[in-house]
Amino acid sequence: MKTIDELGAVDGKRVFVRADLNVPLSGDTITDDGRIRAVAPTIAKLLERGAKVIVASHLGRPKGEPDPQFSLAPVAVRLGEILGKPVAFATDTVGDSAKATVAALADGEVTLLENLRFNAGETSKDDAERGAFADQLAALADLYVGDGFGAVHRKHASVYDLPARLPHAVGDLIATEVAVLKRLTEEVARPYVVVLGGSKVSDKVGVIDNLLGKADRILIGGGMAYTFLAAQGHEVGISLLQKDQIPTVLEYLERAKKNGVEFVLPVDIAVSATFPDLKTKAPVADFEIVDADKIPADKEGLDIGPKSRALFAEKLADAATVFWNGPVGVFEHPEFANGTKAVAQALLATDAFTVVGGGDSAAAVRILGFDETKFGHISTGGGASLEYLEGKTLPGLAALEG
């Protein structure tokens, strides 16, 4: 893949940067600007070289038409603050506002287009409809830079079809992400320990399947742990459970034994009969710590307990490489954030090359107050990272290789 340093002269050129600015919003307030900060260096580099930069992204899941709650207008403001210069905002993607805003750009200036998913052509499964939208986007620019790693696993117009229509390169963010993922798949320093959390086993089936031939140790937490515990015959109460995944889990546990891969499950659990209020953060009166094989029938597992935290830290201590994807508890509530905090602290305590695999785990690191720079790498794409580790071809990367 060609990098932006290999694009040649960009001064005076209109450079379309496909970013991933899909940040969490509370009204118009951005609650985590990590993805904006991650792509800002690529944009700044192009601006310094005199390019007219057109930034585009999706946000949320609008249904192919404008929806004010998913507007990128607040992102334009925050991007301008990070870049230290005004960011013009086009109120549409390929309409009159986009055309006029792009036409008004001087060298070294930047605009952000409105949410790409306000146009049905962006996510269409019909090649012709998607291609027609890509043609309209291509008419705005001279060059294309792909730097939205969190979207490269999507076969969308701005990610997959547009690079074929313009001279293209990868931005610094994607180049870094791919280099990191190669260290997790091709050049692995051992022991290689993987921590998987999050809510569902089904979300991680492919990556577990692939890692059984690569990892030395897999630690399981979060909602998905209860399907593993149920597969071992334990009562899990009203905890999140995917019964249909139990046969798959049993097969994984058997294969792990054969392959010499150590599976580590929680040994104690923080449980409650009431799911915590994540808005008020009010204390949960009935929460208690129980052994993992003694979850009461009327209670739900919400975090790993203190023995499990110590066990996970012990299993991470000698690692040379760690990949972590998914919180191991309901980290948004202080009483159930201890497990996720313990995993983050264990990563910081090790000398390993540590990768936080995007999504909720990356958000947790920031929300819980950890210094991002102390980790080896914090990915901007949870789903994209997982699909890469599954061994899948990512459409957005394939398009940039062409």
Protein backbone atom coordinates (compact mmCIF):
# COMPACT_ATOMS: atom_id res chain seq x y z
CA MET A 1 0.00 0.00 0.00
CA LYS A 2 1.28 3.45 -0.94
CA THR A 3 1.64 5.88 1.98
CA ILE A 4 0.80 9.60 1.91
CA ASP A 5 4.53 10.32 1.82
CA GLU A 6 4.59 8.52 -1.54
CA LEU A 7 1.71 10.48 -3.04
CA GLY A 8 4.04 13.12 -4.44
CA ALA A 9 3.18 16.83 -4.42
CA VAL A 10 -0.25 17.53 -2.93
CA ASP A 11 -0.10 21.33 -2.80
CA GLY A 12 -3.15 22.79 -4.47
CA LYS A 13 -4.71 19.32 -4.81
CA ARG A 14 -8.11 18.38 -3.37
CA VAL A 15 -7.39 15.40 -1.09
CA PHE A 16 -10.35 13.32 0.11
CA VAL A 17 -9.56 11.80 3.52
CA ARG A 18 -11.89 8.98 4.57
CA ALA A 19 -11.66 9.15 8.35
CA ASP A 20 -13.51 7.31 11.11
CA LEU A 21 -15.05 10.05 13.22
CA ASN A 22 -17.80 7.81 14.60
CA VAL A 23 -17.53 9.22 18.12
CA PRO A 24 -20.01 8.80 20.99
CA LEU A 25 -22.30 11.79 21.48
CA SER A 26 -24.51 12.91 24.34
CA GLY A 27 -26.67 15.47 22.58
CA ASP A 28 -24.10 17.71 20.91
CA THR A 29 -21.36 16.79 23.39
CA ILE A 30 -18.60 14.41 22.30
CA THR A 31 -17.93 12.06 25.22
CA ASP A 32 -14.78 10.45 23.75
CA ASP A 33 -12.76 12.25 21.06
CA GLY A 34 -10.12 9.52 20.68
CA ARG A 35 -10.93 8.82 17.03
CA ILE A 36 -10.74 12.49 16.11
CA ARG A 37 -7.35 12.85 17.76
CA ALA A 38 -6.12 9.67 16.07
CA VAL A 39 -6.67 10.93 12.50
CA ALA A 40 -5.70 14.56 13.14
CA PRO A 41 -1.95 14.01 12.44
CA THR A 42 -2.67 12.73 8.92
CA ILE A 43 -4.93 15.71 8.19
CA ALA A 44 -2.37 18.13 9.65
CA LYS A 45 0.42 16.63 7.54
CA LEU A 46 -1.59 17.11 4.34
CA LEU A 47 -2.53 20.67 5.29
CA GLU A 48 1.12 21.52 5.99
CA ARG A 49 1.94 20.30 2.48
CA GLY A 50 -0.59 22.71 1.00
CA ALA A 51 -3.42 20.30 0.23
CA LYS A 52 -7.09 21.26 0.18
CA VAL A 53 -8.38 18.58 2.53
CA ILE A 54 -11.90 17.15 2.34
CA VAL A 55 -12.63 14.97 5.38
CA ALA A 56 -15.52 12.52 5.30
CA SER A 57 -16.89 9.99 7.79
CA HIS A 58 -19.98 8.20 9.00
CA LEU A 59 -21.49 8.59 12.44
CA GLY A 60 -23.98 6.14 13.91
CA ARG A 61 -26.51 4.25 11.83
CA PRO A 62 -28.84 6.68 10.07
CA LYS A 63 -31.09 5.00 7.53
CA GLY A 64 -29.74 6.50 4.31
CA GLU A 65 -31.24 9.94 4.83
CA PRO A 66 -30.49 13.03 6.93
CA ASP A 67 -31.08 12.62 10.66
CA PRO A 68 -30.06 15.55 12.91
CA GLN A 69 -29.08 13.31 15.85
CA PHE A 70 -26.28 11.85 13.70
CA SER A 71 -24.92 15.13 12.33
CA LEU A 72 -21.15 15.57 12.23
CA ALA A 73 -21.45 19.30 13.03
CA PRO A 74 -20.11 18.89 16.63
CA VAL A 75 -17.20 16.86 15.22
CA ALA A 76 -16.24 19.71 12.88
CA VAL A 77 -15.94 22.02 15.89
CA ARG A 78 -13.79 19.56 17.86
CA LEU A 79 -11.60 18.74 14.85
CA GLY A 80 -10.94 22.46 14.42
CA GLU A 81 -9.91 22.75 18.07
CA ILE A 82 -7.49 19.83 17.73
CA LEU A 83 -6.00 21.08 14.44
CA GLY A 84 -5.84 24.65 15.70
CA LYS A 85 -7.56 26.01 12.61
CA PRO A 86 -11.14 26.46 11.37
CA VAL A 87 -12.87 23.48 9.76
CA ALA A 88 -15.52 24.44 7.24
CA PHE A 89 -18.62 22.26 7.45
CA ALA A 90 -20.68 21.14 4.47
CA THR A 91 -24.28 20.44 5.42
CA ASP A 92 -24.59 17.65 2.86
CA THR A 93 -22.31 15.02 1.31
CA VAL A 94 -22.37 15.60 -2.45
CA GLY A 95 -24.96 18.36 -2.84
CA ASP A 96 -24.75 22.12 -3.28
CA SER A 97 -23.22 22.75 0.15
CA ALA A 98 -20.46 20.17 -0.38
CA LYS A 99 -19.64 21.49 -3.84
CA ALA A 100 -19.58 25.13 -2.72
CA THR A 101 -17.56 24.43 0.43
CA VAL A 102 -14.95 22.42 -1.45
CA ALA A 103 -14.75 25.04 -4.22
CA ALA A 104 -14.07 27.73 -1.63
CA LEU A 105 -11.10 25.91 -0.07
CA ALA A 106 -7.71 27.57 -0.35
CA ASP A 107 -4.46 25.63 -0.12
CA GLY A 108 -3.91 24.40 3.44
CA GLU A 109 -7.60 24.60 4.36
CA VAL A 110 -9.95 21.82 5.43
CA THR A 111 -13.63 20.99 5.29
CA LEU A 112 -15.72 18.20 6.81
CA LEU A 113 -18.63 16.80 4.83
CA GLU A 114 -21.87 15.85 6.54
CA ASN A 115 -22.44 12.21 7.53
CA LEU A 116 -21.80 9.91 4.55
CA ARG A 117 -24.58 7.58 5.68
CA PHE A 118 -27.13 10.31 5.09
CA ASN A 119 -26.88 9.05 1.49
CA ALA A 120 -28.28 5.55 0.87
CA GLY A 121 -25.56 4.91 -1.72
CA GLU A 122 -22.86 4.77 0.96
CA THR A 123 -23.98 1.49 2.50
CA SER A 124 -25.99 0.02 -0.39
CA LYS A 125 -25.49 -3.65 -1.20
CA ASP A 126 -26.21 -2.79 -4.85
CA ASP A 127 -22.90 -2.25 -6.67
CA ALA A 128 -24.41 0.23 -9.12
CA GLU A 129 -26.02 2.41 -6.43
CA ARG A 130 -22.85 2.38 -4.36
CA GLY A 131 -20.76 3.13 -7.44
CA ALA A 132 -22.94 6.07 -8.42
CA PHE A 133 -22.41 7.63 -4.99
CA ALA A 134 -18.67 6.97 -5.24
CA ASP A 135 -18.67 8.78 -8.61
CA GLN A 136 -20.23 11.84 -6.96
CA LEU A 137 -17.66 11.78 -4.16
CA ALA A 138 -14.81 11.35 -6.65
CA ALA A 139 -15.92 14.48 -8.50
CA LEU A 140 -15.07 16.51 -5.38
CA ALA A 141 -11.42 15.44 -5.21
CA ASP A 142 -8.15 14.77 -7.02
CA LEU A 143 -6.62 12.27 -4.59
CA TYR A 144 -7.89 9.79 -1.98
CA VAL A 145 -6.37 8.95 1.40
CA GLY A 146 -7.87 6.08 3.39
CA ASP A 147 -7.40 6.64 7.12
CA GLY A 148 -10.64 5.37 8.66
CA PHE A 149 -9.42 2.07 10.07
CA GLY A 150 -12.63 1.52 12.01
CA ALA A 151 -14.52 1.23 8.70
CA VAL A 152 -12.15 -0.83 6.53
CA HIS A 153 -14.10 -4.03 7.19
CA ARG A 154 -17.13 -2.46 5.46
CA LYS A 155 -17.79 -2.70 1.72
CA HIS A 156 -19.08 0.87 1.57
CA ALA A 157 -18.82 3.42 -1.22
CA SER A 158 -16.33 5.77 0.45
CA VAL A 159 -14.23 2.87 1.75
CA TYR A 160 -14.27 0.32 -1.07
CA ASP A 161 -15.46 1.94 -4.31
CA LEU A 162 -13.96 5.43 -4.11
CA PRO A 163 -10.26 4.39 -4.01
CA ALA A 164 -10.70 2.72 -7.41
CA ARG A 165 -11.72 6.08 -8.87
CA LEU A 166 -8.82 8.23 -7.65
CA PRO A 167 -5.05 7.93 -7.10
CA HIS A 168 -4.91 6.69 -3.53
CA ALA A 169 -2.77 6.03 -0.47
CA VAL A 170 -3.11 5.01 3.15
CA GLY A 171 -2.91 7.57 5.91
CA ASP A 172 -0.54 7.27 8.84
CA LEU A 173 -3.25 5.88 11.13
CA ILE A 174 -4.08 2.89 8.91
CA ALA A 175 -0.39 2.29 8.21
CA THR A 176 0.24 2.09 11.97
CA GLU A 177 -2.80 -0.13 12.60
CA VAL A 178 -1.74 -2.64 9.92
CA ALA A 179 1.85 -2.72 11.22
CA VAL A 180 0.55 -3.46 14.73
CA LEU A 181 -1.78 -6.22 13.51
CA LYS A 182 1.11 -7.86 11.68
CA ARG A 183 2.93 -7.99 15.01
CA LEU A 184 -0.07 -9.90 16.36
CA THR A 185 -0.26 -12.35 13.46
CA GLU A 186 3.09 -12.69 11.70
CA GLU A 187 5.85 -11.60 14.07
CA VAL A 188 4.50 -12.58 17.48
CA ALA A 189 6.75 -12.36 20.54
CA ARG A 190 5.77 -15.05 23.06
CA PRO A 191 4.12 -15.73 25.42
CA TYR A 192 1.16 -14.30 23.49
CA VAL A 193 -1.79 -13.63 25.80
CA VAL A 194 -5.24 -12.56 24.57
CA VAL A 195 -7.91 -11.03 26.81
CA LEU A 196 -11.44 -11.16 25.38
CA GLY A 197 -14.44 -9.51 27.01
CA GLY A 198 -17.60 -7.85 25.84
CA SER A 199 -21.12 -9.14 25.87
CA LYS A 200 -21.42 -11.98 23.36
CA VAL A 201 -19.46 -15.09 22.41
CA SER A 202 -21.01 -14.85 18.94
CA ASP A 203 -19.18 -11.55 18.37
CA LYS A 204 -15.84 -13.24 18.98
CA VAL A 205 -16.38 -16.71 17.46
CA GLY A 206 -14.16 -16.12 14.43
CA VAL A 207 -11.30 -14.55 16.35
CA ILE A 208 -11.30 -17.27 19.04
CA ASP A 209 -11.30 -19.92 16.32
CA ASN A 210 -8.25 -18.36 14.66
CA LEU A 211 -6.40 -17.58 17.90
CA LEU A 212 -6.57 -21.20 19.05
CA GLY A 213 -3.74 -21.80 16.62
CA LYS A 214 -1.75 -18.69 17.55
CA ALA A 215 -2.20 -17.58 21.18
CA ASP A 216 -0.55 -19.23 24.17
CA ARG A 217 -3.21 -18.14 26.64
CA ILE A 218 -6.76 -16.76 26.30
CA LEU A 219 -8.45 -14.96 29.20
CA ILE A 220 -12.24 -14.69 29.01
CA GLY A 221 -14.30 -12.07 30.87
CA GLY A 222 -17.35 -9.90 30.37
CA GLY A 223 -20.79 -11.18 29.40
CA MET A 224 -19.30 -13.85 27.16
CA ALA A 225 -17.74 -15.58 30.20
CA TYR A 226 -21.15 -16.84 31.35
CA THR A 227 -21.61 -18.96 28.24
CA PHE A 228 -18.23 -20.56 28.98
CA LEU A 229 -19.23 -21.16 32.61
CA ALA A 230 -22.59 -22.62 31.52
CA ALA A 231 -20.77 -24.91 29.09
CA GLN A 232 -18.87 -26.30 32.08
CA GLY A 233 -22.18 -27.07 33.78
CA HIS A 234 -22.31 -24.11 36.16
CA GLU A 235 -25.41 -22.13 37.13
CA VAL A 236 -25.17 -18.58 35.71
CA GLY A 237 -28.45 -17.18 37.06
CA ILE A 238 -29.87 -14.37 34.93
CA SER A 239 -26.46 -13.50 33.49
CA LEU A 240 -26.09 -12.90 29.78
CA LEU A 241 -26.09 -16.35 28.18
CA GLN A 242 -26.01 -17.55 24.57
CA LYS A 243 -27.21 -21.15 24.86
CA ASP A 244 -26.84 -21.68 21.12
CA GLN A 245 -23.10 -21.03 21.47
CA ILE A 246 -22.49 -23.70 24.14
CA PRO A 247 -21.57 -26.44 21.61
CA THR A 248 -19.08 -24.07 19.97
CA VAL A 249 -17.58 -23.14 23.34
CA LEU A 250 -17.19 -26.82 24.30
CA GLU A 251 -15.41 -27.45 21.01
CA TYR A 252 -13.06 -24.52 21.67
CA LEU A 253 -12.23 -25.77 25.15
CA GLU A 254 -11.43 -29.21 23.74
CA ARG A 255 -9.31 -27.82 20.91
CA ALA A 256 -7.46 -25.58 23.35
CA LYS A 257 -6.42 -28.65 25.35
CA LYS A 258 -5.17 -30.38 22.21
CA ASN A 259 -3.30 -27.31 21.00
CA GLY A 260 -1.76 -26.48 24.37
CA VAL A 261 -3.62 -23.17 24.60
CA GLU A 262 -4.55 -22.22 28.17
CA PHE A 263 -8.11 -20.93 28.64
CA VAL A 264 -8.52 -18.82 31.78
CA LEU A 265 -12.05 -18.17 33.08
CA PRO A 266 -13.17 -16.07 36.07
CA VAL A 267 -13.12 -17.86 39.42
CA ASP A 268 -15.33 -15.35 41.22
CA ILE A 269 -17.99 -12.94 40.06
CA ALA A 270 -19.64 -9.69 41.22
CA VAL A 271 -23.39 -10.36 40.99
CA SER A 272 -26.62 -8.49 41.58
CA ALA A 273 -30.33 -9.03 41.00
CA THR A 274 -30.54 -5.50 39.59
CA PHE A 275 -28.69 -4.13 36.57
CA PRO A 276 -26.95 -0.91 37.65
CA ASP A 277 -28.25 2.51 36.60
CA LEU A 278 -25.53 3.78 34.29
CA LYS A 279 -26.89 7.33 34.27
CA THR A 280 -27.12 8.03 37.99
CA LYS A 281 -24.31 5.58 38.96
CA ALA A 282 -26.36 4.92 42.10
CA PRO A 283 -24.95 2.23 44.42
CA VAL A 284 -26.34 -1.29 43.95
CA ALA A 285 -27.51 -2.43 47.38
CA ASP A 286 -27.60 -6.19 46.82
CA PHE A 287 -24.36 -6.77 44.93
CA GLU A 288 -22.04 -9.44 46.30
CA ILE A 289 -19.00 -11.49 45.31
CA VAL A 290 -19.59 -15.22 44.76
CA ASP A 291 -17.53 -18.08 43.40
CA ALA A 292 -17.96 -18.49 39.65
CA ASP A 293 -19.67 -21.87 40.15
CA LYS A 294 -22.09 -20.49 42.76
CA ILE A 295 -23.95 -17.70 40.96
CA PRO A 296 -27.45 -17.47 42.52
CA ALA A 297 -30.31 -18.32 40.18
CA ASP A 298 -31.88 -14.86 40.63
CA LYS A 299 -28.70 -12.81 40.11
CA GLU A 300 -26.66 -11.57 37.18
CA GLY A 301 -22.90 -11.49 36.76
CA LEU A 302 -21.69 -7.92 36.20
CA ASP A 303 -17.92 -8.07 36.74
CA ILE A 304 -15.09 -10.40 37.64
CA GLY A 305 -14.28 -10.62 41.35
CA PRO A 306 -11.04 -9.92 43.29
CA LYS A 307 -9.67 -13.49 42.97
CA SER A 308 -10.24 -13.35 39.21
CA ARG A 309 -8.55 -9.95 39.00
CA ALA A 310 -5.50 -11.37 40.73
CA LEU A 311 -5.58 -14.47 38.51
CA PHE A 312 -5.80 -12.40 35.31
CA ALA A 313 -2.92 -10.19 36.46
CA GLU A 314 -0.82 -13.29 37.18
CA LYS A 315 -1.58 -14.75 33.73
CA LEU A 316 -0.56 -11.47 32.07
CA ALA A 317 2.61 -10.88 34.08
CA ASP A 318 4.99 -12.95 31.91
CA ALA A 319 3.48 -11.99 28.55
CA ALA A 320 5.59 -10.65 25.68
CA THR A 321 2.56 -9.75 23.55
CA VAL A 322 -0.97 -8.92 24.75
CA PHE A 323 -4.11 -8.23 22.71
CA TRP A 324 -7.13 -7.04 24.69
CA ASN A 325 -10.59 -6.60 23.18
CA GLY A 326 -13.67 -6.00 25.30
CA PRO A 327 -14.23 -4.88 28.90
CA VAL A 328 -14.59 -7.67 31.47
CA GLY A 329 -17.45 -6.03 33.37
CA VAL A 330 -19.96 -3.19 33.28
CA PHE A 331 -17.15 -0.64 33.50
CA GLU A 332 -19.52 2.33 33.07
CA HIS A 333 -20.62 1.84 36.71
CA PRO A 334 -17.97 2.35 39.43
CA GLU A 335 -18.95 -0.77 41.42
CA PHE A 336 -18.42 -2.99 38.36
CA ALA A 337 -15.41 -1.29 36.78
CA ASN A 338 -12.80 -3.02 38.97
CA GLY A 339 -12.21 -5.96 36.63
CA THR A 340 -11.64 -3.77 33.59
CA LYS A 341 -9.38 -1.48 35.64
CA ALA A 342 -7.40 -4.52 36.80
CA VAL A 343 -6.84 -5.71 33.22
CA ALA A 344 -5.64 -2.25 32.16
CA GLN A 345 -3.32 -2.03 35.20
CA ALA A 346 -1.95 -5.50 34.49
CA LEU A 347 -1.15 -4.47 30.91
CA LEU A 348 0.69 -1.41 32.19
CA ALA A 349 2.63 -3.51 34.70
CA THR A 350 3.99 -5.89 32.06
CA ASP A 351 6.93 -5.36 29.73
CA ALA A 352 4.85 -6.82 26.87
CA PHE A 353 3.87 -5.15 23.62
CA THR A 354 0.28 -4.30 24.55
CA VAL A 355 -2.55 -3.68 22.09
CA VAL A 356 -5.97 -2.44 23.18
CA GLY A 357 -8.29 -3.55 20.39
CA GLY A 358 -10.57 -0.59 19.92
CA GLY A 359 -14.28 -0.28 20.65
CA ASP A 360 -15.43 -0.40 24.27
CA SER A 361 -12.03 -1.46 25.62
CA ALA A 362 -10.38 1.64 24.12
CA ALA A 363 -13.21 3.79 25.50
CA ALA A 364 -12.79 2.16 28.91
CA VAL A 365 -9.09 3.00 29.02
CA ARG A 366 -9.89 6.66 28.48
CA ILE A 367 -13.02 6.83 30.66
CA LEU A 368 -11.27 5.12 33.57
CA GLY A 369 -8.46 7.67 33.41
CA PHE A 370 -5.50 5.64 32.16
CA ASP A 371 -2.64 7.28 30.26
CA GLU A 372 -3.09 6.11 26.66
CA THR A 373 0.57 6.67 25.84
CA LYS A 374 1.60 3.94 28.30
CA PHE A 375 0.04 1.21 26.14
CA GLY A 376 1.82 -0.13 23.09
CA HIS A 377 -1.10 0.71 20.81
CA ILE A 378 -4.77 1.63 21.19
CA SER A 379 -6.67 0.66 18.06
CA THR A 380 -9.40 2.84 16.56
CA GLY A 381 -11.28 -0.12 15.12
CA GLY A 382 -12.66 -2.91 17.29
CA GLY A 383 -14.56 -4.75 14.55
CA ALA A 384 -11.84 -4.20 11.95
CA SER A 385 -9.14 -5.47 14.34
CA LEU A 386 -11.12 -8.60 15.14
CA GLU A 387 -11.82 -9.40 11.49
CA TYR A 388 -8.14 -8.95 10.64
CA LEU A 389 -7.21 -11.34 13.45
CA GLU A 390 -9.81 -13.79 12.12
CA GLY A 391 -7.82 -13.86 8.89
CA LYS A 392 -10.54 -12.17 6.84
CA THR A 393 -9.87 -9.93 3.85
CA LEU A 394 -10.92 -6.40 4.77
CA PRO A 395 -12.54 -4.66 1.77
CA GLY A 396 -11.15 -1.23 2.61
CA LEU A 397 -7.58 -2.51 2.85
CA ALA A 398 -7.93 -4.55 -0.31
CA ALA A 399 -9.10 -1.42 -2.15
CA LEU A 400 -6.06 0.53 -0.96
CA GLU A 401 -3.69 -2.20 -2.12
CA GLY A 402 -4.96 -1.92 -5.68
